[in-house]
Amino acid sequence: MIDPVTAVLGGVATFAVTTIGVPVALGAAGFTGAGIVAGTVAAKMMSAAAIASGGGVAAGSIVAALQSVGAAGLSASTTAAVTAGGALLSAIVL
């Protein structure tokens, strides 16, 4: 049986990580609203992606997606989906 308290707590924890932890982690890696910060993990990833694709970072690549999230944050629908998934996972596992 699924415990509703566990599901709610799992959802709250996942929501906190999604809305606070992800942007903080991406900012620390160098993916910011002002662009990719020189000398960071993000800059190294961008360089490797550009070399691999012949000079530019391909739209839809992981580097482009991370920079998008670092600059604008996660969309409401993505946050809701991840939160719901965390709640469900918590209810099933715990």
PDB file of N, CA and C in Angstrom:
ATOM      1  N   MET A   1       0.846  -1.180   0.000  1.00  0.00           N
ATOM      2  CA  MET A   1       0.000   0.000   0.000  1.00  0.00           C
ATOM      3  C   MET A   1       0.892   1.244   0.000  1.00  0.00           C
ATOM      4  N   ILE A   2       0.475   2.218  -0.731  1.00  0.00           N
ATOM      5  CA  ILE A   2       1.229   3.466  -0.837  1.00  0.00           C
ATOM      6  C   ILE A   2       0.869   4.369   0.333  1.00  0.00           C
ATOM      7  N   ASP A   3       1.901   4.798   1.043  1.00  0.00           N
ATOM      8  CA  ASP A   3       1.710   5.699   2.174  1.00  0.00           C
ATOM      9  C   ASP A   3       1.645   7.140   1.667  1.00  0.00           C
ATOM     10  N   PRO A   4       0.515   7.833   1.850  1.00  0.00           N
ATOM     11  CA  PRO A   4       0.401   9.192   1.322  1.00  0.00           C
ATOM     12  C   PRO A   4       1.396  10.171   1.938  1.00  0.00           C
ATOM     13  N   VAL A   5       1.743   9.989   3.208  1.00  0.00           N
ATOM     14  CA  VAL A   5       2.701  10.894   3.849  1.00  0.00           C
ATOM     15  C   VAL A   5       4.068  10.758   3.186  1.00  0.00           C
ATOM     16  N   THR A   6       4.485   9.533   2.921  1.00  0.00           N
ATOM     17  CA  THR A   6       5.765   9.296   2.258  1.00  0.00           C
ATOM     18  C   THR A   6       5.752   9.893   0.853  1.00  0.00           C
ATOM     19  N   ALA A   7       4.646   9.744   0.153  1.00  0.00           N
ATOM     20  CA  ALA A   7       4.536  10.294  -1.198  1.00  0.00           C
ATOM     21  C   ALA A   7       4.650  11.819  -1.174  1.00  0.00           C
ATOM     22  N   VAL A   8       3.972  12.454  -0.230  1.00  0.00           N
ATOM     23  CA  VAL A   8       4.021  13.919  -0.133  1.00  0.00           C
ATOM     24  C   VAL A   8       5.428  14.389   0.230  1.00  0.00           C
ATOM     25  N   LEU A   9       6.041  13.732   1.208  1.00  0.00           N
ATOM     26  CA  LEU A   9       7.400  14.120   1.603  1.00  0.00           C
ATOM     27  C   LEU A   9       8.390  13.905   0.464  1.00  0.00           C
ATOM     28  N   GLY A  10       8.230  12.825  -0.266  1.00  0.00           N
ATOM     29  CA  GLY A  10       9.088  12.580  -1.428  1.00  0.00           C
ATOM     30  C   GLY A  10       8.898  13.636  -2.495  1.00  0.00           C
ATOM     31  N   GLY A  11       7.655  14.035  -2.715  1.00  0.00           N
ATOM     32  CA  GLY A  11       7.375  15.088  -3.682  1.00  0.00           C
ATOM     33  C   GLY A  11       7.969  16.419  -3.271  1.00  0.00           C
ATOM     34  N   VAL A  12       7.846  16.747  -1.989  1.00  0.00           N
ATOM     35  CA  VAL A  12       8.407  18.012  -1.482  1.00  0.00           C
ATOM     36  C   VAL A  12       9.932  18.009  -1.619  1.00  0.00           C
ATOM     37  N   ALA A  13      10.563  16.894  -1.263  1.00  0.00           N
ATOM     38  CA  ALA A  13      12.015  16.799  -1.376  1.00  0.00           C
ATOM     39  C   ALA A  13      12.457  16.915  -2.831  1.00  0.00           C
ATOM     40  N   THR A  14      11.752  16.235  -3.721  1.00  0.00           N
ATOM     41  CA  THR A  14      12.100  16.299  -5.141  1.00  0.00           C
ATOM     42  C   THR A  14      11.889  17.697  -5.693  1.00  0.00           C
ATOM     43  N   PHE A  15      10.808  18.356  -5.283  1.00  0.00           N
ATOM     44  CA  PHE A  15      10.539  19.725  -5.726  1.00  0.00           C
ATOM     45  C   PHE A  15      11.667  20.664  -5.281  1.00  0.00           C
ATOM     46  N   ALA A  16      12.118  20.490  -4.043  1.00  0.00           N
ATOM     47  CA  ALA A  16      13.202  21.335  -3.530  1.00  0.00           C
ATOM     48  C   ALA A  16      14.485  21.125  -4.321  1.00  0.00           C
ATOM     49  N   VAL A  17      14.813  19.882  -4.602  1.00  0.00           N
ATOM     50  CA  VAL A  17      16.024  19.595  -5.367  1.00  0.00           C
ATOM     51  C   VAL A  17      15.898  20.149  -6.782  1.00  0.00           C
ATOM     52  N   THR A  18      14.705  19.989  -7.366  1.00  0.00           N
ATOM     53  CA  THR A  18      14.494  20.442  -8.740  1.00  0.00           C
ATOM     54  C   THR A  18      14.564  21.953  -8.861  1.00  0.00           C
ATOM     55  N   THR A  19      13.956  22.662  -7.934  1.00  0.00           N
ATOM     56  CA  THR A  19      13.888  24.118  -8.054  1.00  0.00           C
ATOM     57  C   THR A  19      15.086  24.847  -7.455  1.00  0.00           C
ATOM     58  N   ILE A  20      15.772  24.215  -6.511  1.00  0.00           N
ATOM     59  CA  ILE A  20      16.914  24.871  -5.862  1.00  0.00           C
ATOM     60  C   ILE A  20      18.226  24.195  -6.234  1.00  0.00           C
ATOM     61  N   GLY A  21      18.275  22.899  -6.092  1.00  0.00           N
ATOM     62  CA  GLY A  21      19.525  22.166  -6.285  1.00  0.00           C
ATOM     63  C   GLY A  21      20.040  22.163  -7.709  1.00  0.00           C
ATOM     64  N   VAL A  22      19.148  21.956  -8.672  1.00  0.00           N
ATOM     65  CA  VAL A  22      19.585  21.891 -10.070  1.00  0.00           C
ATOM     66  C   VAL A  22      20.178  23.231 -10.532  1.00  0.00           C
ATOM     67  N   PRO A  23      19.479  24.358 -10.337  1.00  0.00           N
ATOM     68  CA  PRO A  23      20.092  25.626 -10.762  1.00  0.00           C
ATOM     69  C   PRO A  23      21.414  25.944 -10.046  1.00  0.00           C
ATOM     70  N   VAL A  24      21.501  25.612  -8.772  1.00  0.00           N
ATOM     71  CA  VAL A  24      22.742  25.859  -8.026  1.00  0.00           C
ATOM     72  C   VAL A  24      23.874  25.010  -8.589  1.00  0.00           C
ATOM     73  N   ALA A  25      23.587  23.744  -8.843  1.00  0.00           N
ATOM     74  CA  ALA A  25      24.610  22.845  -9.383  1.00  0.00           C
ATOM     75  C   ALA A  25      25.058  23.281 -10.776  1.00  0.00           C
ATOM     76  N   LEU A  26      24.112  23.677 -11.610  1.00  0.00           N
ATOM     77  CA  LEU A  26      24.483  24.120 -12.954  1.00  0.00           C
ATOM     78  C   LEU A  26      25.279  25.420 -12.912  1.00  0.00           C
ATOM     79  N   GLY A  27      24.903  26.334 -12.020  1.00  0.00           N
ATOM     80  CA  GLY A  27      25.657  27.574 -11.862  1.00  0.00           C
ATOM     81  C   GLY A  27      27.075  27.301 -11.406  1.00  0.00           C
ATOM     82  N   ALA A  28      27.223  26.359 -10.481  1.00  0.00           N
ATOM     83  CA  ALA A  28      28.560  26.005  -9.996  1.00  0.00           C
ATOM     84  C   ALA A  28      29.402  25.359 -11.093  1.00  0.00           C
ATOM     85  N   ALA A  29      28.751  24.666 -12.013  1.00  0.00           N
ATOM     86  CA  ALA A  29      29.471  24.034 -13.122  1.00  0.00           C
ATOM     87  C   ALA A  29      29.823  25.031 -14.222  1.00  0.00           C
ATOM     88  N   GLY A  30      29.191  26.232 -14.177  1.00  0.00           N
ATOM     89  CA  GLY A  30      29.521  27.260 -15.150  1.00  0.00           C
ATOM     90  C   GLY A  30      28.427  27.603 -16.138  1.00  0.00           C
ATOM     91  N   PHE A  31      27.259  26.979 -16.007  1.00  0.00           N
ATOM     92  CA  PHE A  31      26.115  27.288 -16.868  1.00  0.00           C
ATOM     93  C   PHE A  31      25.288  28.369 -16.182  1.00  0.00           C
ATOM     94  N   THR A  32      25.425  29.632 -16.632  1.00  0.00           N
ATOM     95  CA  THR A  32      24.761  30.749 -15.954  1.00  0.00           C
ATOM     96  C   THR A  32      23.865  31.526 -16.921  1.00  0.00           C
ATOM     97  N   GLY A  33      23.094  32.433 -16.347  1.00  0.00           N
ATOM     98  CA  GLY A  33      22.238  33.287 -17.149  1.00  0.00           C
ATOM     99  C   GLY A  33      23.018  34.212 -18.062  1.00  0.00           C
ATOM    100  N   ALA A  34      24.258  34.497 -17.711  1.00  0.00           N
ATOM    101  CA  ALA A  34      25.109  35.374 -18.526  1.00  0.00           C
ATOM    102  C   ALA A  34      25.891  34.592 -19.578  1.00  0.00           C
ATOM    103  N   GLY A  35      25.735  33.273 -19.595  1.00  0.00           N
ATOM    104  CA  GLY A  35      26.463  32.426 -20.540  1.00  0.00           C
ATOM    105  C   GLY A  35      27.389  31.473 -19.806  1.00  0.00           C
ATOM    106  N   ILE A  36      28.170  30.776 -20.569  1.00  0.00           N
ATOM    107  CA  ILE A  36      29.102  29.808 -19.992  1.00  0.00           C
ATOM    108  C   ILE A  36      30.337  30.550 -19.478  1.00  0.00           C
ATOM    109  N   VAL A  37      30.708  30.246 -18.239  1.00  0.00           N
ATOM    110  CA  VAL A  37      31.836  30.913 -17.581  1.00  0.00           C
ATOM    111  C   VAL A  37      33.141  30.248 -17.999  1.00  0.00           C
ATOM    112  N   ALA A  38      34.118  31.061 -18.373  1.00  0.00           N
ATOM    113  CA  ALA A  38      35.422  30.564 -18.808  1.00  0.00           C
ATOM    114  C   ALA A  38      36.115  29.787 -17.690  1.00  0.00           C
ATOM    115  N   GLY A  39      36.797  28.708 -18.079  1.00  0.00           N
ATOM    116  CA  GLY A  39      37.585  27.932 -17.143  1.00  0.00           C
ATOM    117  C   GLY A  39      36.807  26.950 -16.287  1.00  0.00           C
ATOM    118  N   THR A  40      35.526  26.759 -16.580  1.00  0.00           N
ATOM    119  CA  THR A  40      34.694  25.863 -15.786  1.00  0.00           C
ATOM    120  C   THR A  40      34.456  24.546 -16.525  1.00  0.00           C
ATOM    121  N   VAL A  41      33.800  23.643 -15.846  1.00  0.00           N
ATOM    122  CA  VAL A  41      33.406  22.377 -16.461  1.00  0.00           C
ATOM    123  C   VAL A  41      32.542  22.648 -17.691  1.00  0.00           C
ATOM    124  N   ALA A  42      31.654  23.623 -17.589  1.00  0.00           N
ATOM    125  CA  ALA A  42      30.785  23.972 -18.710  1.00  0.00           C
ATOM    126  C   ALA A  42      31.599  24.402 -19.929  1.00  0.00           C
ATOM    127  N   ALA A  43      32.643  25.196 -19.699  1.00  0.00           N
ATOM    128  CA  ALA A  43      33.493  25.654 -20.803  1.00  0.00           C
ATOM    129  C   ALA A  43      34.212  24.481 -21.455  1.00  0.00           C
ATOM    130  N   LYS A  44      34.664  23.547 -20.652  1.00  0.00           N
ATOM    131  CA  LYS A  44      35.347  22.370 -21.194  1.00  0.00           C
ATOM    132  C   LYS A  44      34.378  21.506 -21.995  1.00  0.00           C
ATOM    133  N   MET A  45      33.151  21.369 -21.483  1.00  0.00           N
ATOM    134  CA  MET A  45      32.134  20.600 -22.207  1.00  0.00           C
ATOM    135  C   MET A  45      31.799  21.278 -23.536  1.00  0.00           C
ATOM    136  N   MET A  46      31.666  22.599 -23.494  1.00  0.00           N
ATOM    137  CA  MET A  46      31.354  23.345 -24.708  1.00  0.00           C
ATOM    138  C   MET A  46      32.472  23.203 -25.739  1.00  0.00           C
ATOM    139  N   SER A  47      33.701  23.284 -25.291  1.00  0.00           N
ATOM    140  CA  SER A  47      34.846  23.143 -26.185  1.00  0.00           C
ATOM    141  C   SER A  47      34.859  21.760 -26.831  1.00  0.00           C
ATOM    142  N   ALA A  48      34.660  20.729 -26.024  1.00  0.00           N
ATOM    143  CA  ALA A  48      34.659  19.364 -26.552  1.00  0.00           C
ATOM    144  C   ALA A  48      33.516  19.155 -27.540  1.00  0.00           C
ATOM    145  N   ALA A  49      32.347  19.707 -27.239  1.00  0.00           N
ATOM    146  CA  ALA A  49      31.202  19.574 -28.136  1.00  0.00           C
ATOM    147  C   ALA A  49      31.455  20.301 -29.451  1.00  0.00           C
ATOM    148  N   ALA A  50      32.062  21.482 -29.371  1.00  0.00           N
ATOM    149  CA  ALA A  50      32.350  22.249 -30.589  1.00  0.00           C
ATOM    150  C   ALA A  50      33.379  21.536 -31.452  1.00  0.00           C
ATOM    151  N   ILE A  51      34.397  20.977 -30.843  1.00  0.00           N
ATOM    152  CA  ILE A  51      35.418  20.235 -31.596  1.00  0.00           C
ATOM    153  C   ILE A  51      34.792  19.016 -32.251  1.00  0.00           C
ATOM    154  N   ALA A  52      33.955  18.301 -31.519  1.00  0.00           N
ATOM    155  CA  ALA A  52      33.330  17.085 -32.039  1.00  0.00           C
ATOM    156  C   ALA A  52      32.386  17.362 -33.200  1.00  0.00           C
ATOM    157  N   SER A  53      31.751  18.536 -33.198  1.00  0.00           N
ATOM    158  CA  SER A  53      30.789  18.816 -34.262  1.00  0.00           C
ATOM    159  C   SER A  53      31.351  19.739 -35.344  1.00  0.00           C
ATOM    160  N   GLY A  54      32.638  19.981 -35.308  1.00  0.00           N
ATOM    161  CA  GLY A  54      33.264  20.747 -36.375  1.00  0.00           C
ATOM    162  C   GLY A  54      33.228  22.254 -36.198  1.00  0.00           C
ATOM    163  N   GLY A  55      33.075  22.751 -34.971  1.00  0.00           N
ATOM    164  CA  GLY A  55      33.196  24.179 -34.753  1.00  0.00           C
ATOM    165  C   GLY A  55      32.053  24.850 -34.036  1.00  0.00           C
ATOM    166  N   GLY A  56      30.942  24.206 -33.900  1.00  0.00           N
ATOM    167  CA  GLY A  56      29.812  24.817 -33.199  1.00  0.00           C
ATOM    168  C   GLY A  56      29.152  23.819 -32.273  1.00  0.00           C
ATOM    169  N   VAL A  57      28.396  24.317 -31.351  1.00  0.00           N
ATOM    170  CA  VAL A  57      27.647  23.439 -30.444  1.00  0.00           C
ATOM    171  C   VAL A  57      26.280  23.212 -31.065  1.00  0.00           C
ATOM    172  N   ALA A  58      25.952  21.957 -31.301  1.00  0.00           N
ATOM    173  CA  ALA A  58      24.697  21.611 -31.964  1.00  0.00           C
ATOM    174  C   ALA A  58      23.493  21.919 -31.075  1.00  0.00           C
ATOM    175  N   ALA A  59      22.461  22.476 -31.690  1.00  0.00           N
ATOM    176  CA  ALA A  59      21.209  22.701 -30.966  1.00  0.00           C
ATOM    177  C   ALA A  59      20.667  21.348 -30.521  1.00  0.00           C
ATOM    178  N   GLY A  60      20.167  21.291 -29.310  1.00  0.00           N
ATOM    179  CA  GLY A  60      19.640  20.038 -28.781  1.00  0.00           C
ATOM    180  C   GLY A  60      20.677  19.146 -28.126  1.00  0.00           C
ATOM    181  N   SER A  61      21.943  19.551 -28.171  1.00  0.00           N
ATOM    182  CA  SER A  61      22.984  18.753 -27.518  1.00  0.00           C
ATOM    183  C   SER A  61      22.869  18.907 -26.009  1.00  0.00           C
ATOM    184  N   ILE A  62      23.557  18.082 -25.270  1.00  0.00           N
ATOM    185  CA  ILE A  62      23.505  18.152 -23.811  1.00  0.00           C
ATOM    186  C   ILE A  62      24.050  19.489 -23.325  1.00  0.00           C
ATOM    187  N   VAL A  63      25.077  20.016 -23.977  1.00  0.00           N
ATOM    188  CA  VAL A  63      25.634  21.307 -23.577  1.00  0.00           C
ATOM    189  C   VAL A  63      24.600  22.410 -23.796  1.00  0.00           C
ATOM    190  N   ALA A  64      23.929  22.378 -24.926  1.00  0.00           N
ATOM    191  CA  ALA A  64      22.897  23.381 -25.212  1.00  0.00           C
ATOM    192  C   ALA A  64      21.743  23.273 -24.217  1.00  0.00           C
ATOM    193  N   ALA A  65      21.343  22.059 -23.904  1.00  0.00           N
ATOM    194  CA  ALA A  65      20.241  21.862 -22.955  1.00  0.00           C
ATOM    195  C   ALA A  65      20.620  22.340 -21.555  1.00  0.00           C
ATOM    196  N   LEU A  66      21.826  22.006 -21.103  1.00  0.00           N
ATOM    197  CA  LEU A  66      22.272  22.447 -19.785  1.00  0.00           C
ATOM    198  C   LEU A  66      22.396  23.962 -19.719  1.00  0.00           C
ATOM    199  N   GLN A  67      22.879  24.589 -20.792  1.00  0.00           N
ATOM    200  CA  GLN A  67      22.988  26.046 -20.802  1.00  0.00           C
ATOM    201  C   GLN A  67      21.598  26.680 -20.765  1.00  0.00           C
ATOM    202  N   SER A  68      20.659  26.084 -21.461  1.00  0.00           N
ATOM    203  CA  SER A  68      19.286  26.598 -21.448  1.00  0.00           C
ATOM    204  C   SER A  68      18.704  26.549 -20.042  1.00  0.00           C
ATOM    205  N   VAL A  69      18.888  25.423 -19.365  1.00  0.00           N
ATOM    206  CA  VAL A  69      18.390  25.289 -17.991  1.00  0.00           C
ATOM    207  C   VAL A  69      19.156  26.215 -17.054  1.00  0.00           C
ATOM    208  N   GLY A  70      20.463  26.339 -17.245  1.00  0.00           N
ATOM    209  CA  GLY A  70      21.261  27.231 -16.410  1.00  0.00           C
ATOM    210  C   GLY A  70      20.852  28.680 -16.568  1.00  0.00           C
ATOM    211  N   ALA A  71      20.451  29.050 -17.759  1.00  0.00           N
ATOM    212  CA  ALA A  71      20.071  30.439 -18.023  1.00  0.00           C
ATOM    213  C   ALA A  71      18.638  30.740 -17.596  1.00  0.00           C
ATOM    214  N   ALA A  72      17.726  29.823 -17.857  1.00  0.00           N
ATOM    215  CA  ALA A  72      16.300  30.115 -17.639  1.00  0.00           C
ATOM    216  C   ALA A  72      15.648  29.261 -16.563  1.00  0.00           C
ATOM    217  N   GLY A  73      16.336  28.242 -16.075  1.00  0.00           N
ATOM    218  CA  GLY A  73      15.721  27.338 -15.112  1.00  0.00           C
ATOM    219  C   GLY A  73      14.875  26.290 -15.822  1.00  0.00           C
ATOM    220  N   LEU A  74      14.309  25.399 -15.039  1.00  0.00           N
ATOM    221  CA  LEU A  74      13.449  24.354 -15.605  1.00  0.00           C
ATOM    222  C   LEU A  74      12.052  24.906 -15.826  1.00  0.00           C
ATOM    223  N   SER A  75      11.388  24.423 -16.846  1.00  0.00           N
ATOM    224  CA  SER A  75      10.020  24.856 -17.105  1.00  0.00           C
ATOM    225  C   SER A  75       9.097  24.323 -16.010  1.00  0.00           C
ATOM    226  N   ALA A  76       7.937  24.932 -15.884  1.00  0.00           N
ATOM    227  CA  ALA A  76       6.965  24.497 -14.876  1.00  0.00           C
ATOM    228  C   ALA A  76       6.531  23.062 -15.124  1.00  0.00           C
ATOM    229  N   SER A  77       6.356  22.702 -16.384  1.00  0.00           N
ATOM    230  CA  SER A  77       5.911  21.341 -16.685  1.00  0.00           C
ATOM    231  C   SER A  77       6.990  20.312 -16.345  1.00  0.00           C
ATOM    232  N   THR A  78       8.245  20.638 -16.598  1.00  0.00           N
ATOM    233  CA  THR A  78       9.334  19.730 -16.246  1.00  0.00           C
ATOM    234  C   THR A  78       9.448  19.595 -14.730  1.00  0.00           C
ATOM    235  N   THR A  79       9.352  20.710 -14.020  1.00  0.00           N
ATOM    236  CA  THR A  79       9.401  20.675 -12.558  1.00  0.00           C
ATOM    237  C   THR A  79       8.262  19.827 -12.008  1.00  0.00           C
ATOM    238  N   ALA A  80       7.072  19.999 -12.549  1.00  0.00           N
ATOM    239  CA  ALA A  80       5.912  19.224 -12.090  1.00  0.00           C
ATOM    240  C   ALA A  80       6.096  17.738 -12.366  1.00  0.00           C
ATOM    241  N   ALA A  81       6.605  17.404 -13.545  1.00  0.00           N
ATOM    242  CA  ALA A  81       6.800  15.994 -13.895  1.00  0.00           C
ATOM    243  C   ALA A  81       7.854  15.339 -13.005  1.00  0.00           C
ATOM    244  N   VAL A  82       8.959  16.042 -12.775  1.00  0.00           N
ATOM    245  CA  VAL A  82      10.016  15.488 -11.922  1.00  0.00           C
ATOM    246  C   VAL A  82       9.525  15.350 -10.482  1.00  0.00           C
ATOM    247  N   THR A  83       8.770  16.330 -10.011  1.00  0.00           N
ATOM    248  CA  THR A  83       8.223  16.280  -8.653  1.00  0.00           C
ATOM    249  C   THR A  83       7.268  15.108  -8.499  1.00  0.00           C
ATOM    250  N   ALA A  84       6.396  14.915  -9.468  1.00  0.00           N
ATOM    251  CA  ALA A  84       5.448  13.789  -9.425  1.00  0.00           C
ATOM    252  C   ALA A  84       6.192  12.467  -9.453  1.00  0.00           C
ATOM    253  N   GLY A  85       7.228  12.387 -10.288  1.00  0.00           N
ATOM    254  CA  GLY A  85       8.035  11.176 -10.338  1.00  0.00           C
ATOM    255  C   GLY A  85       8.738  10.882  -9.030  1.00  0.00           C
ATOM    256  N   GLY A  86       9.244  11.920  -8.387  1.00  0.00           N
ATOM    257  CA  GLY A  86       9.884  11.748  -7.076  1.00  0.00           C
ATOM    258  C   GLY A  86       8.914  11.298  -6.019  1.00  0.00           C
ATOM    259  N   ALA A  87       7.707  11.851  -6.048  1.00  0.00           N
ATOM    260  CA  ALA A  87       6.684  11.437  -5.094  1.00  0.00           C
ATOM    261  C   ALA A  87       6.314   9.983  -5.293  1.00  0.00           C
ATOM    262  N   LEU A  88       6.130   9.591  -6.548  1.00  0.00           N
ATOM    263  CA  LEU A  88       5.775   8.199  -6.845  1.00  0.00           C
ATOM    264  C   LEU A  88       6.907   7.253  -6.458  1.00  0.00           C
ATOM    265  N   LEU A  89       8.128   7.610  -6.806  1.00  0.00           N
ATOM    266  CA  LEU A  89       9.261   6.774  -6.456  1.00  0.00           C
ATOM    267  C   LEU A  89       9.407   6.623  -4.943  1.00  0.00           C
ATOM    268  N   SER A  90       9.237   7.729  -4.217  1.00  0.00           N
ATOM    269  CA  SER A  90       9.315   7.667  -2.757  1.00  0.00           C
ATOM    270  C   SER A  90       8.238   6.766  -2.181  1.00  0.00           C
ATOM    271  N   ALA A  91       7.042   6.870  -2.721  1.00  0.00           N
ATOM    272  CA  ALA A  91       5.935   6.060  -2.217  1.00  0.00           C
ATOM    273  C   ALA A  91       6.150   4.578  -2.484  1.00  0.00           C
ATOM    274  N   ILE A  92       6.770   4.267  -3.623  1.00  0.00           N
ATOM    275  CA  ILE A  92       6.987   2.856  -3.972  1.00  0.00           C
ATOM    276  C   ILE A  92       8.179   2.277  -3.220  1.00  0.00           C
ATOM    277  N   VAL A  93       9.281   3.020  -3.178  1.00  0.00           N
ATOM    278  CA  VAL A  93      10.525   2.508  -2.606  1.00  0.00           C
ATOM    279  C   VAL A  93      10.498   2.545  -1.074  1.00  0.00           C
ATOM    280  N   LEU A  94      10.024   3.634  -0.520  1.00  0.00           N
ATOM    281  CA  LEU A  94      10.059   3.784   0.934  1.00  0.00           C
ATOM    282  C   LEU A  94       8.800   3.241   1.476  1.00  0.00           C
TER     283      LEU A  94
END
